[in-house]
Amino acid sequence: ARMLDHAVGTNIDLLVMLSVAEGTDDGLDKLMLGLKAYEVLAPL
């Protein structure tokens, strides 16, 4: 929970962009954001 709170708290902008991208058809944008999220969650 501590590690997840840190990841979420320090990447609010990324969460917002992921939420917005989910409602679009831009596959490349989703892929790039997904890779960024994957990198952020590496410690977990």
PDB file of all heavy atoms in Angstrom:
ATOM      1  N   ALA A   1       0.833  -1.203   0.000  1.00  0.00           N
ATOM      2  CA  ALA A   1       0.000   0.000   0.000  1.00  0.00           C
ATOM      3  C   ALA A   1       0.868   1.254   0.000  1.00  0.00           C
ATOM      4  O   ALA A   1       0.577   2.237  -0.695  1.00  0.00           O
ATOM      5  CB  ALA A   1      -0.929  -0.007   1.210  1.00  0.00           C
ATOM      6  N   ARG A   2       1.948   1.240   0.789  1.00  0.00           N
ATOM      7  CA  ARG A   2       2.839   2.394   0.843  1.00  0.00           C
ATOM      8  C   ARG A   2       3.466   2.663  -0.517  1.00  0.00           C
ATOM      9  O   ARG A   2       3.511   3.819  -0.975  1.00  0.00           O
ATOM     10  CB  ARG A   2       3.934   2.157   1.883  1.00  0.00           C
ATOM     11  CG  ARG A   2       4.839   3.365   2.107  1.00  0.00           C
ATOM     12  CD  ARG A   2       6.109   2.994   2.837  1.00  0.00           C
ATOM     13  NE  ARG A   2       6.965   2.112   2.047  1.00  0.00           N
ATOM     14  CZ  ARG A   2       7.733   2.532   1.049  1.00  0.00           C
ATOM     15  NH1 ARG A   2       7.745   3.807   0.704  1.00  0.00           N
ATOM     16  NH2 ARG A   2       8.487   1.674   0.382  1.00  0.00           N
ATOM     17  N   MET A   3       3.939   1.611  -1.171  1.00  0.00           N
ATOM     18  CA  MET A   3       4.577   1.775  -2.471  1.00  0.00           C
ATOM     19  C   MET A   3       3.566   2.226  -3.523  1.00  0.00           C
ATOM     20  O   MET A   3       3.877   3.062  -4.389  1.00  0.00           O
ATOM     21  CB  MET A   3       5.239   0.459  -2.892  1.00  0.00           C
ATOM     22  CG  MET A   3       6.384   0.033  -1.981  1.00  0.00           C
ATOM     23  SD  MET A   3       7.144  -1.541  -2.479  1.00  0.00           S
ATOM     24  CE  MET A   3       7.981  -1.030  -3.992  1.00  0.00           C
ATOM     25  N   LEU A   4       2.360   1.694  -3.447  1.00  0.00           N
ATOM     26  CA  LEU A   4       1.335   2.079  -4.415  1.00  0.00           C
ATOM     27  C   LEU A   4       0.903   3.524  -4.188  1.00  0.00           C
ATOM     28  O   LEU A   4       0.705   4.281  -5.151  1.00  0.00           O
ATOM     29  CB  LEU A   4       0.139   1.134  -4.303  1.00  0.00           C
ATOM     30  CG  LEU A   4      -0.927   1.246  -5.395  1.00  0.00           C
ATOM     31  CD1 LEU A   4      -0.299   1.075  -6.773  1.00  0.00           C
ATOM     32  CD2 LEU A   4      -2.006   0.194  -5.185  1.00  0.00           C
ATOM     33  N   ASP A   5       0.775   3.919  -2.933  1.00  0.00           N
ATOM     34  CA  ASP A   5       0.418   5.306  -2.626  1.00  0.00           C
ATOM     35  C   ASP A   5       1.478   6.261  -3.168  1.00  0.00           C
ATOM     36  O   ASP A   5       1.154   7.337  -3.682  1.00  0.00           O
ATOM     37  CB  ASP A   5       0.274   5.503  -1.114  1.00  0.00           C
ATOM     38  CG  ASP A   5      -0.990   4.860  -0.556  1.00  0.00           C
ATOM     39  OD1 ASP A   5      -1.778   4.325  -1.360  1.00  0.00           O
ATOM     40  OD2 ASP A   5      -1.168   4.874   0.677  1.00  0.00           O
ATOM     41  N   HIS A   6       2.749   5.865  -3.044  1.00  0.00           N
ATOM     42  CA  HIS A   6       3.820   6.713  -3.571  1.00  0.00           C
ATOM     43  C   HIS A   6       3.724   6.814  -5.094  1.00  0.00           C
ATOM     44  O   HIS A   6       3.855   7.916  -5.657  1.00  0.00           O
ATOM     45  CB  HIS A   6       5.183   6.147  -3.174  1.00  0.00           C
ATOM     46  CG  HIS A   6       6.337   6.921  -3.732  1.00  0.00           C
ATOM     47  ND1 HIS A   6       6.725   8.157  -3.246  1.00  0.00           N
ATOM     48  CD2 HIS A   6       7.182   6.649  -4.780  1.00  0.00           C
ATOM     49  CE1 HIS A   6       7.746   8.614  -3.954  1.00  0.00           C
ATOM     50  NE2 HIS A   6       8.044   7.721  -4.883  1.00  0.00           N
ATOM     51  N   ALA A   7       3.485   5.676  -5.746  1.00  0.00           N
ATOM     52  CA  ALA A   7       3.394   5.683  -7.208  1.00  0.00           C
ATOM     53  C   ALA A   7       2.214   6.520  -7.683  1.00  0.00           C
ATOM     54  O   ALA A   7       2.328   7.297  -8.640  1.00  0.00           O
ATOM     55  CB  ALA A   7       3.270   4.251  -7.725  1.00  0.00           C
ATOM     56  N   VAL A   8       1.087   6.378  -7.018  1.00  0.00           N
ATOM     57  CA  VAL A   8      -0.103   7.143  -7.406  1.00  0.00           C
ATOM     58  C   VAL A   8       0.093   8.627  -7.090  1.00  0.00           C
ATOM     59  O   VAL A   8      -0.187   9.492  -7.921  1.00  0.00           O
ATOM     60  CB  VAL A   8      -1.353   6.598  -6.676  1.00  0.00           C
ATOM     61  CG1 VAL A   8      -2.558   7.519  -6.905  1.00  0.00           C
ATOM     62  CG2 VAL A   8      -1.680   5.191  -7.170  1.00  0.00           C
ATOM     63  N   GLY A   9       0.581   8.911  -5.886  1.00  0.00           N
ATOM     64  CA  GLY A   9       0.719  10.297  -5.458  1.00  0.00           C
ATOM     65  C   GLY A   9       1.711  11.102  -6.265  1.00  0.00           C
ATOM     66  O   GLY A   9       1.573  12.320  -6.387  1.00  0.00           O
ATOM     67  N   THR A  10       2.716  10.437  -6.827  1.00  0.00           N
ATOM     68  CA  THR A  10       3.733  11.148  -7.606  1.00  0.00           C
ATOM     69  C   THR A  10       3.476  11.084  -9.111  1.00  0.00           C
ATOM     70  O   THR A  10       4.298  11.568  -9.890  1.00  0.00           O
ATOM     71  CB  THR A  10       5.134  10.573  -7.315  1.00  0.00           C
ATOM     72  OG1 THR A  10       5.127   9.156  -7.534  1.00  0.00           O
ATOM     73  CG2 THR A  10       5.543  10.860  -5.879  1.00  0.00           C
ATOM     74  N   ASN A  11       2.350  10.507  -9.495  1.00  0.00           N
ATOM     75  CA  ASN A  11       2.049  10.393 -10.938  1.00  0.00           C
ATOM     76  C   ASN A  11       0.578  10.683 -11.222  1.00  0.00           C
ATOM     77  O   ASN A  11      -0.058  10.003 -12.028  1.00  0.00           O
ATOM     78  CB  ASN A  11       2.405   8.985 -11.435  1.00  0.00           C
ATOM     79  CG  ASN A  11       3.892   8.732 -11.457  1.00  0.00           C
ATOM     80  OD1 ASN A  11       4.588   9.113 -12.392  1.00  0.00           O
ATOM     81  ND2 ASN A  11       4.385   8.081 -10.410  1.00  0.00           N
ATOM     82  N   ILE A  12       0.049  11.715 -10.558  1.00  0.00           N
ATOM     83  CA  ILE A  12      -1.345  12.095 -10.773  1.00  0.00           C
ATOM     84  C   ILE A  12      -1.589  12.442 -12.235  1.00  0.00           C
ATOM     85  O   ILE A  12      -2.598  12.058 -12.829  1.00  0.00           O
ATOM     86  CB  ILE A  12      -1.734  13.280  -9.871  1.00  0.00           C
ATOM     87  CG1 ILE A  12      -1.563  12.906  -8.397  1.00  0.00           C
ATOM     88  CG2 ILE A  12      -3.159  13.726 -10.151  1.00  0.00           C
ATOM     89  CD1 ILE A  12      -2.428  11.761  -7.966  1.00  0.00           C
ATOM     90  N   ASP A  13      -0.657  13.180 -12.832  1.00  0.00           N
ATOM     91  CA  ASP A  13      -0.830  13.576 -14.237  1.00  0.00           C
ATOM     92  C   ASP A  13      -0.910  12.354 -15.139  1.00  0.00           C
ATOM     93  O   ASP A  13      -1.697  12.329 -16.102  1.00  0.00           O
ATOM     94  CB  ASP A  13       0.331  14.478 -14.680  1.00  0.00           C
ATOM     95  CG  ASP A  13       0.289  15.845 -14.007  1.00  0.00           C
ATOM     96  OD1 ASP A  13      -0.783  16.218 -13.505  1.00  0.00           O
ATOM     97  OD2 ASP A  13       1.327  16.518 -13.986  1.00  0.00           O
ATOM     98  N   LEU A  14      -0.096  11.346 -14.857  1.00  0.00           N
ATOM     99  CA  LEU A  14      -0.117  10.130 -15.669  1.00  0.00           C
ATOM    100  C   LEU A  14      -1.461   9.427 -15.532  1.00  0.00           C
ATOM    101  O   LEU A  14      -2.013   8.937 -16.533  1.00  0.00           O
ATOM    102  CB  LEU A  14       1.013   9.198 -15.229  1.00  0.00           C
ATOM    103  CG  LEU A  14       1.065   7.823 -15.915  1.00  0.00           C
ATOM    104  CD1 LEU A  14       1.232   7.986 -17.426  1.00  0.00           C
ATOM    105  CD2 LEU A  14       2.208   6.990 -15.338  1.00  0.00           C
ATOM    106  N   LEU A  15      -2.006   9.379 -14.333  1.00  0.00           N
ATOM    107  CA  LEU A  15      -3.308   8.751 -14.133  1.00  0.00           C
ATOM    108  C   LEU A  15      -4.387   9.476 -14.917  1.00  0.00           C
ATOM    109  O   LEU A  15      -5.270   8.849 -15.508  1.00  0.00           O
ATOM    110  CB  LEU A  15      -3.664   8.733 -12.642  1.00  0.00           C
ATOM    111  CG  LEU A  15      -2.877   7.783 -11.749  1.00  0.00           C
ATOM    112  CD1 LEU A  15      -3.304   7.946 -10.302  1.00  0.00           C
ATOM    113  CD2 LEU A  15      -3.089   6.343 -12.191  1.00  0.00           C
ATOM    114  N   VAL A  16      -4.318  10.795 -14.913  1.00  0.00           N
ATOM    115  CA  VAL A  16      -5.298  11.583 -15.659  1.00  0.00           C
ATOM    116  C   VAL A  16      -5.186  11.295 -17.148  1.00  0.00           C
ATOM    117  O   VAL A  16      -6.192  11.089 -17.849  1.00  0.00           O
ATOM    118  CB  VAL A  16      -5.105  13.092 -15.382  1.00  0.00           C
ATOM    119  CG1 VAL A  16      -5.996  13.927 -16.314  1.00  0.00           C
ATOM    120  CG2 VAL A  16      -5.429  13.406 -13.924  1.00  0.00           C
ATOM    121  N   MET A  17      -3.949  11.267 -17.663  1.00  0.00           N
ATOM    122  CA  MET A  17      -3.750  11.006 -19.096  1.00  0.00           C
ATOM    123  C   MET A  17      -4.206   9.599 -19.475  1.00  0.00           C
ATOM    124  O   MET A  17      -4.785   9.383 -20.543  1.00  0.00           O
ATOM    125  CB  MET A  17      -2.283  11.211 -19.461  1.00  0.00           C
ATOM    126  CG  MET A  17      -1.861  12.673 -19.456  1.00  0.00           C
ATOM    127  SD  MET A  17      -0.171  12.932 -20.098  1.00  0.00           S
ATOM    128  CE  MET A  17       0.810  12.226 -18.774  1.00  0.00           C
ATOM    129  N   LEU A  18      -3.953   8.613 -18.599  1.00  0.00           N
ATOM    130  CA  LEU A  18      -4.409   7.249 -18.864  1.00  0.00           C
ATOM    131  C   LEU A  18      -5.924   7.189 -18.913  1.00  0.00           C
ATOM    132  O   LEU A  18      -6.512   6.496 -19.753  1.00  0.00           O
ATOM    133  CB  LEU A  18      -3.887   6.307 -17.778  1.00  0.00           C
ATOM    134  CG  LEU A  18      -2.435   5.855 -17.893  1.00  0.00           C
ATOM    135  CD1 LEU A  18      -1.988   5.168 -16.611  1.00  0.00           C
ATOM    136  CD2 LEU A  18      -2.256   4.913 -19.084  1.00  0.00           C
ATOM    137  N   SER A  19      -6.570   7.914 -18.013  1.00  0.00           N
ATOM    138  CA  SER A  19      -8.027   7.935 -17.980  1.00  0.00           C
ATOM    139  C   SER A  19      -8.595   8.550 -19.243  1.00  0.00           C
ATOM    140  O   SER A  19      -9.558   8.049 -19.825  1.00  0.00           O
ATOM    141  CB  SER A  19      -8.509   8.719 -16.752  1.00  0.00           C
ATOM    142  OG  SER A  19      -9.912   8.797 -16.722  1.00  0.00           O
ATOM    143  N   VAL A  20      -7.979   9.640 -19.706  1.00  0.00           N
ATOM    144  CA  VAL A  20      -8.428  10.297 -20.932  1.00  0.00           C
ATOM    145  C   VAL A  20      -8.185   9.405 -22.139  1.00  0.00           C
ATOM    146  O   VAL A  20      -9.047   9.256 -23.017  1.00  0.00           O
ATOM    147  CB  VAL A  20      -7.723  11.652 -21.107  1.00  0.00           C
ATOM    148  CG1 VAL A  20      -8.043  12.248 -22.481  1.00  0.00           C
ATOM    149  CG2 VAL A  20      -8.136  12.612 -19.996  1.00  0.00           C
ATOM    150  N   ALA A  21      -7.001   8.778 -22.196  1.00  0.00           N
ATOM    151  CA  ALA A  21      -6.649   7.932 -23.342  1.00  0.00           C
ATOM    152  C   ALA A  21      -7.560   6.723 -23.455  1.00  0.00           C
ATOM    153  O   ALA A  21      -7.797   6.212 -24.558  1.00  0.00           O
ATOM    154  CB  ALA A  21      -5.193   7.480 -23.224  1.00  0.00           C
ATOM    155  N   GLU A  22      -8.089   6.261 -22.314  1.00  0.00           N
ATOM    156  CA  GLU A  22      -8.955   5.084 -22.332  1.00  0.00           C
ATOM    157  C   GLU A  22     -10.196   5.309 -23.188  1.00  0.00           C
ATOM    158  O   GLU A  22     -10.740   4.383 -23.772  1.00  0.00           O
ATOM    159  CB  GLU A  22      -9.367   4.734 -20.895  1.00  0.00           C
ATOM    160  CG  GLU A  22     -10.091   3.407 -20.762  1.00  0.00           C
ATOM    161  CD  GLU A  22      -9.227   2.222 -21.176  1.00  0.00           C
ATOM    162  OE1 GLU A  22      -7.989   2.308 -21.060  1.00  0.00           O
ATOM    163  OE2 GLU A  22      -9.810   1.215 -21.620  1.00  0.00           O
ATOM    164  N   GLY A  23     -10.618   6.566 -23.276  1.00  0.00           N
ATOM    165  CA  GLY A  23     -11.816   6.869 -24.052  1.00  0.00           C
ATOM    166  C   GLY A  23     -11.534   7.264 -25.488  1.00  0.00           C
ATOM    167  O   GLY A  23     -12.441   7.734 -26.181  1.00  0.00           O
ATOM    168  N   THR A  24     -10.307   7.083 -25.962  1.00  0.00           N
ATOM    169  CA  THR A  24      -9.945   7.437 -27.329  1.00  0.00           C
ATOM    170  C   THR A  24      -9.565   6.184 -28.122  1.00  0.00           C
ATOM    171  O   THR A  24      -9.452   5.097 -27.577  1.00  0.00           O
ATOM    172  CB  THR A  24      -8.759   8.422 -27.351  1.00  0.00           C
ATOM    173  OG1 THR A  24      -7.569   7.735 -26.939  1.00  0.00           O
ATOM    174  CG2 THR A  24      -9.020   9.591 -26.406  1.00  0.00           C
ATOM    175  N   ASP A  25      -9.356   6.381 -29.415  1.00  0.00           N
ATOM    176  CA  ASP A  25      -8.939   5.278 -30.293  1.00  0.00           C
ATOM    177  C   ASP A  25      -7.458   5.376 -30.650  1.00  0.00           C
ATOM    178  O   ASP A  25      -6.997   4.705 -31.572  1.00  0.00           O
ATOM    179  CB  ASP A  25      -9.774   5.297 -31.588  1.00  0.00           C
ATOM    180  CG  ASP A  25     -11.248   5.027 -31.320  1.00  0.00           C
ATOM    181  OD1 ASP A  25     -11.534   4.244 -30.394  1.00  0.00           O
ATOM    182  OD2 ASP A  25     -12.098   5.617 -32.014  1.00  0.00           O
ATOM    183  N   ASP A  26      -6.729   6.210 -29.945  1.00  0.00           N
ATOM    184  CA  ASP A  26      -5.306   6.411 -30.238  1.00  0.00           C
ATOM    185  C   ASP A  26      -4.501   5.277 -29.598  1.00  0.00           C
ATOM    186  O   ASP A  26      -4.090   5.356 -28.439  1.00  0.00           O
ATOM    187  CB  ASP A  26      -4.843   7.765 -29.701  1.00  0.00           C
ATOM    188  CG  ASP A  26      -3.460   8.149 -30.208  1.00  0.00           C
ATOM    189  OD1 ASP A  26      -2.701   7.236 -30.600  1.00  0.00           O
ATOM    190  OD2 ASP A  26      -3.135   9.349 -30.209  1.00  0.00           O
ATOM    191  N   GLY A  27      -4.265   4.223 -30.385  1.00  0.00           N
ATOM    192  CA  GLY A  27      -3.552   3.063 -29.859  1.00  0.00           C
ATOM    193  C   GLY A  27      -2.128   3.364 -29.464  1.00  0.00           C
ATOM    194  O   GLY A  27      -1.637   2.854 -28.459  1.00  0.00           O
ATOM    195  N   LEU A  28      -1.442   4.210 -30.236  1.00  0.00           N
ATOM    196  CA  LEU A  28      -0.051   4.543 -29.932  1.00  0.00           C
ATOM    197  C   LEU A  28       0.039   5.310 -28.617  1.00  0.00           C
ATOM    198  O   LEU A  28       0.920   5.058 -27.796  1.00  0.00           O
ATOM    199  CB  LEU A  28       0.550   5.373 -31.067  1.00  0.00           C
ATOM    200  CG  LEU A  28       2.014   5.799 -30.877  1.00  0.00           C
ATOM    201  CD1 LEU A  28       2.913   4.574 -30.720  1.00  0.00           C
ATOM    202  CD2 LEU A  28       2.472   6.656 -32.051  1.00  0.00           C
ATOM    203  N   ASP A  29      -0.892   6.242 -28.420  1.00  0.00           N
ATOM    204  CA  ASP A  29      -0.895   7.024 -27.195  1.00  0.00           C
ATOM    205  C   ASP A  29      -1.119   6.109 -25.986  1.00  0.00           C
ATOM    206  O   ASP A  29      -0.445   6.245 -24.957  1.00  0.00           O
ATOM    207  CB  ASP A  29      -2.003   8.087 -27.263  1.00  0.00           C
ATOM    208  CG  ASP A  29      -1.899   9.089 -26.123  1.00  0.00           C
ATOM    209  OD1 ASP A  29      -0.770   9.372 -25.690  1.00  0.00           O
ATOM    210  OD2 ASP A  29      -2.944   9.577 -25.659  1.00  0.00           O
ATOM    211  N   LYS A  30      -2.042   5.179 -26.127  1.00  0.00           N
ATOM    212  CA  LYS A  30      -2.305   4.240 -25.035  1.00  0.00           C
ATOM    213  C   LYS A  30      -1.080   3.382 -24.748  1.00  0.00           C
ATOM    214  O   LYS A  30      -0.751   3.115 -23.592  1.00  0.00           O
ATOM    215  CB  LYS A  30      -3.491   3.338 -25.393  1.00  0.00           C
ATOM    216  CG  LYS A  30      -4.828   4.046 -25.434  1.00  0.00           C
ATOM    217  CD  LYS A  30      -5.936   3.057 -25.783  1.00  0.00           C
ATOM    218  CE  LYS A  30      -7.268   3.743 -25.906  1.00  0.00           C
ATOM    219  NZ  LYS A  30      -8.363   2.799 -26.265  1.00  0.00           N
ATOM    220  N   LEU A  31      -0.413   2.959 -25.804  1.00  0.00           N
ATOM    221  CA  LEU A  31       0.773   2.125 -25.643  1.00  0.00           C
ATOM    222  C   LEU A  31       1.872   2.872 -24.900  1.00  0.00           C
ATOM    223  O   LEU A  31       2.479   2.338 -23.964  1.00  0.00           O
ATOM    224  CB  LEU A  31       1.283   1.654 -27.005  1.00  0.00           C
ATOM    225  CG  LEU A  31       2.596   0.859 -26.997  1.00  0.00           C
ATOM    226  CD1 LEU A  31       2.431  -0.428 -26.193  1.00  0.00           C
ATOM    227  CD2 LEU A  31       3.035   0.546 -28.432  1.00  0.00           C
ATOM    228  N   MET A  32       2.122   4.100 -25.306  1.00  0.00           N
ATOM    229  CA  MET A  32       3.187   4.876 -24.683  1.00  0.00           C
ATOM    230  C   MET A  32       2.875   5.161 -23.215  1.00  0.00           C
ATOM    231  O   MET A  32       3.751   5.079 -22.341  1.00  0.00           O
ATOM    232  CB  MET A  32       3.391   6.189 -25.435  1.00  0.00           C
ATOM    233  CG  MET A  32       3.853   6.021 -26.883  1.00  0.00           C
ATOM    234  SD  MET A  32       5.360   5.002 -27.023  1.00  0.00           S
ATOM    235  CE  MET A  32       6.548   6.024 -26.166  1.00  0.00           C
ATOM    236  N   LEU A  33       1.622   5.487 -22.926  1.00  0.00           N
ATOM    237  CA  LEU A  33       1.237   5.744 -21.537  1.00  0.00           C
ATOM    238  C   LEU A  33       1.308   4.456 -20.717  1.00  0.00           C
ATOM    239  O   LEU A  33       1.703   4.479 -19.545  1.00  0.00           O
ATOM    240  CB  LEU A  33      -0.189   6.316 -21.483  1.00  0.00           C
ATOM    241  CG  LEU A  33      -0.340   7.750 -22.000  1.00  0.00           C
ATOM    242  CD1 LEU A  33      -1.815   8.134 -22.048  1.00  0.00           C
ATOM    243  CD2 LEU A  33       0.427   8.732 -21.117  1.00  0.00           C
ATOM    244  N   GLY A  34       0.944   3.345 -21.365  1.00  0.00           N
ATOM    245  CA  GLY A  34       1.020   2.065 -20.676  1.00  0.00           C
ATOM    246  C   GLY A  34       2.452   1.698 -20.326  1.00  0.00           C
ATOM    247  O   GLY A  34       2.731   1.185 -19.241  1.00  0.00           O
ATOM    248  N   LEU A  35       3.370   1.983 -21.239  1.00  0.00           N
ATOM    249  CA  LEU A  35       4.784   1.716 -20.978  1.00  0.00           C
ATOM    250  C   LEU A  35       5.310   2.596 -19.843  1.00  0.00           C
ATOM    251  O   LEU A  35       6.110   2.158 -19.013  1.00  0.00           O
ATOM    252  CB  LEU A  35       5.605   1.952 -22.252  1.00  0.00           C
ATOM    253  CG  LEU A  35       5.388   0.941 -23.377  1.00  0.00           C
ATOM    254  CD1 LEU A  35       6.147   1.374 -24.626  1.00  0.00           C
ATOM    255  CD2 LEU A  35       5.840  -0.452 -22.949  1.00  0.00           C
ATOM    256  N   LYS A  36       4.833   3.822 -19.819  1.00  0.00           N
ATOM    257  CA  LYS A  36       5.239   4.733 -18.743  1.00  0.00           C
ATOM    258  C   LYS A  36       4.714   4.207 -17.400  1.00  0.00           C
ATOM    259  O   LYS A  36       5.446   4.208 -16.388  1.00  0.00           O
ATOM    260  CB  LYS A  36       4.683   6.126 -19.017  1.00  0.00           C
ATOM    261  CG  LYS A  36       4.956   7.140 -17.910  1.00  0.00           C
ATOM    262  CD  LYS A  36       6.446   7.363 -17.682  1.00  0.00           C
ATOM    263  CE  LYS A  36       6.682   8.429 -16.625  1.00  0.00           C
ATOM    264  NZ  LYS A  36       8.109   8.603 -16.309  1.00  0.00           N
ATOM    265  N   ALA A  37       3.473   3.764 -17.372  1.00  0.00           N
ATOM    266  CA  ALA A  37       2.901   3.220 -16.139  1.00  0.00           C
ATOM    267  C   ALA A  37       3.654   1.961 -15.716  1.00  0.00           C
ATOM    268  O   ALA A  37       3.896   1.743 -14.524  1.00  0.00           O
ATOM    269  CB  ALA A  37       1.417   2.912 -16.344  1.00  0.00           C
ATOM    270  N   TYR A  38       4.035   1.141 -16.689  1.00  0.00           N
ATOM    271  CA  TYR A  38       4.803  -0.077 -16.395  1.00  0.00           C
ATOM    272  C   TYR A  38       6.126   0.279 -15.734  1.00  0.00           C
ATOM    273  O   TYR A  38       6.560  -0.373 -14.782  1.00  0.00           O
ATOM    274  CB  TYR A  38       5.038  -0.842 -17.694  1.00  0.00           C
ATOM    275  CG  TYR A  38       5.660  -2.201 -17.514  1.00  0.00           C
ATOM    276  CD1 TYR A  38       4.877  -3.302 -17.155  1.00  0.00           C
ATOM    277  CD2 TYR A  38       7.022  -2.402 -17.699  1.00  0.00           C
ATOM    278  CE1 TYR A  38       5.441  -4.562 -16.988  1.00  0.00           C
ATOM    279  CE2 TYR A  38       7.596  -3.653 -17.533  1.00  0.00           C
ATOM    280  CZ  TYR A  38       6.797  -4.727 -17.186  1.00  0.00           C
ATOM    281  OH  TYR A  38       7.369  -5.967 -17.015  1.00  0.00           O
ATOM    282  N   GLU A  39       6.754   1.340 -16.233  1.00  0.00           N
ATOM    283  CA  GLU A  39       8.031   1.786 -15.663  1.00  0.00           C
ATOM    284  C   GLU A  39       7.833   2.315 -14.240  1.00  0.00           C
ATOM    285  O   GLU A  39       8.634   2.030 -13.339  1.00  0.00           O
ATOM    286  CB  GLU A  39       8.621   2.881 -16.554  1.00  0.00           C
ATOM    287  CG  GLU A  39       9.913   3.480 -16.039  1.00  0.00           C
ATOM    288  CD  GLU A  39      10.379   4.642 -16.905  1.00  0.00           C
ATOM    289  OE1 GLU A  39       9.958   4.726 -18.067  1.00  0.00           O
ATOM    290  OE2 GLU A  39      11.154   5.469 -16.394  1.00  0.00           O
ATOM    291  N   VAL A  40       6.775   3.070 -14.026  1.00  0.00           N
ATOM    292  CA  VAL A  40       6.499   3.647 -12.710  1.00  0.00           C
ATOM    293  C   VAL A  40       6.290   2.560 -11.674  1.00  0.00           C
ATOM    294  O   VAL A  40       6.683   2.697 -10.510  1.00  0.00           O
ATOM    295  CB  VAL A  40       5.251   4.558 -12.790  1.00  0.00           C
ATOM    296  CG1 VAL A  40       4.723   4.893 -11.398  1.00  0.00           C
ATOM    297  CG2 VAL A  40       5.586   5.837 -13.548  1.00  0.00           C
ATOM    298  N   LEU A  41       5.690   1.448 -12.092  1.00  0.00           N
ATOM    299  CA  LEU A  41       5.361   0.371 -11.155  1.00  0.00           C
ATOM    300  C   LEU A  41       6.487  -0.655 -11.005  1.00  0.00           C
ATOM    301  O   LEU A  41       6.277  -1.688 -10.370  1.00  0.00           O
ATOM    302  CB  LEU A  41       4.079  -0.326 -11.614  1.00  0.00           C
ATOM    303  CG  LEU A  41       2.819   0.540 -11.595  1.00  0.00           C
ATOM    304  CD1 LEU A  41       1.659  -0.195 -12.258  1.00  0.00           C
ATOM    305  CD2 LEU A  41       2.461   0.956 -10.178  1.00  0.00           C
ATOM    306  N   ALA A  42       7.642  -0.369 -11.563  1.00  0.00           N
ATOM    307  CA  ALA A  42       8.767  -1.310 -11.487  1.00  0.00           C
ATOM    308  C   ALA A  42       9.119  -1.684 -10.043  1.00  0.00           C
ATOM    309  O   ALA A  42       9.337  -2.860  -9.743  1.00  0.00           O
ATOM    310  CB  ALA A  42       9.980  -0.742 -12.206  1.00  0.00           C
ATOM    311  N   PRO A  43       9.190  -0.727  -9.101  1.00  0.00           N
ATOM    312  CA  PRO A  43       9.522  -1.102  -7.719  1.00  0.00           C
ATOM    313  C   PRO A  43       8.513  -2.072  -7.115  1.00  0.00           C
ATOM    314  O   PRO A  43       8.872  -2.954  -6.336  1.00  0.00           O
ATOM    315  CB  PRO A  43       9.520   0.238  -6.980  1.00  0.00           C
ATOM    316  CG  PRO A  43       9.786   1.257  -8.036  1.00  0.00           C
ATOM    317  CD  PRO A  43       9.099   0.736  -9.250  1.00  0.00           C
ATOM    318  N   LEU A  44       7.250  -1.916  -7.489  1.00  0.00           N
ATOM    319  CA  LEU A  44       6.205  -2.803  -6.975  1.00  0.00           C
ATOM    320  C   LEU A  44       6.374  -4.205  -7.545  1.00  0.00           C
ATOM    321  O   LEU A  44       6.253  -5.202  -6.824  1.00  0.00           O
ATOM    322  CB  LEU A  44       4.829  -2.244  -7.335  1.00  0.00           C
ATOM    323  CG  LEU A  44       3.632  -2.741  -6.525  1.00  0.00           C
ATOM    324  CD1 LEU A  44       3.765  -2.294  -5.077  1.00  0.00           C
ATOM    325  CD2 LEU A  44       2.333  -2.222  -7.119  1.00  0.00           C
TER     326      LEU A  44
END
